[in-house]
């Protein structure tokens, strides 16, 4: 039996394709709720929790083929094809889905990630979260402050703290940190794929982010020959959180373009 990702629906079905939003590492569909509501004025929008995140199932496997299969199951469940808006880890999963199952998609919007292997790792952040004493915390702001004492990056600390669930029955991280750590090599990598995606693909880059660099463009154009890149000045990797208004305007413009 196919397991479905946890998802939330905003707006009603219209003549426009449903927009599926896939978050990045250490994110959740909840992080995209405000944006989903804004984008649902003329179409149905669905946000998912990727596996090992949020309210979705936990699994020891976490490759991009696994994540693409999860997205394909959601598309089939809602009778796609869909437009897809996907950030970072979710963006890589969406790219794998696009080249493997192009009929599942109408339009592809990838946020601040390229189909390449990166040299960084998030193991340090996982270790910090694992070792943080969360039992007696009563506010996420307390976790954010403690995280920043070790990470020294307020944006990252604030983002990670959103993944702390506070409850009278016990605090917990909404991530399967063990599985993410065990699959980190896959997460910073990208599968060796030779297929192309012939439909429109739009990439949105944070202006001060280093996740889409000039040296990545040949690989992007190779896999996505009908692709374009929009840059949002001054934004970092979490471009949708750091420049929300410009981000929504950019996505709305892309969705309104003729195909």
Foldseek 3Di string as FASTA:
>chain_A
DDFAFDKDKEADADPAFEEEEAEAPLAAQVVCVVLLNVVRPHHMYMYTGFEQFDPTHHDLDDFLVVRLVNVLVVLVVVVDQHEYEYAQLRLLSVLVNCQVPVVSYQEAEYELAFQFADDDFCVVVLVQVVPDDPFPDDDLVVQLVSSCVPVVDSVVSVSNSVQWDDDPVGIDGRGPSVSCVVCRNNSRGHDDDQGARAHEYEYEHEQPEPNDDPVRVVVRCNRYVNYDYHYDYPGYRPNCVVPVVVVSVVVVVVSPDDD
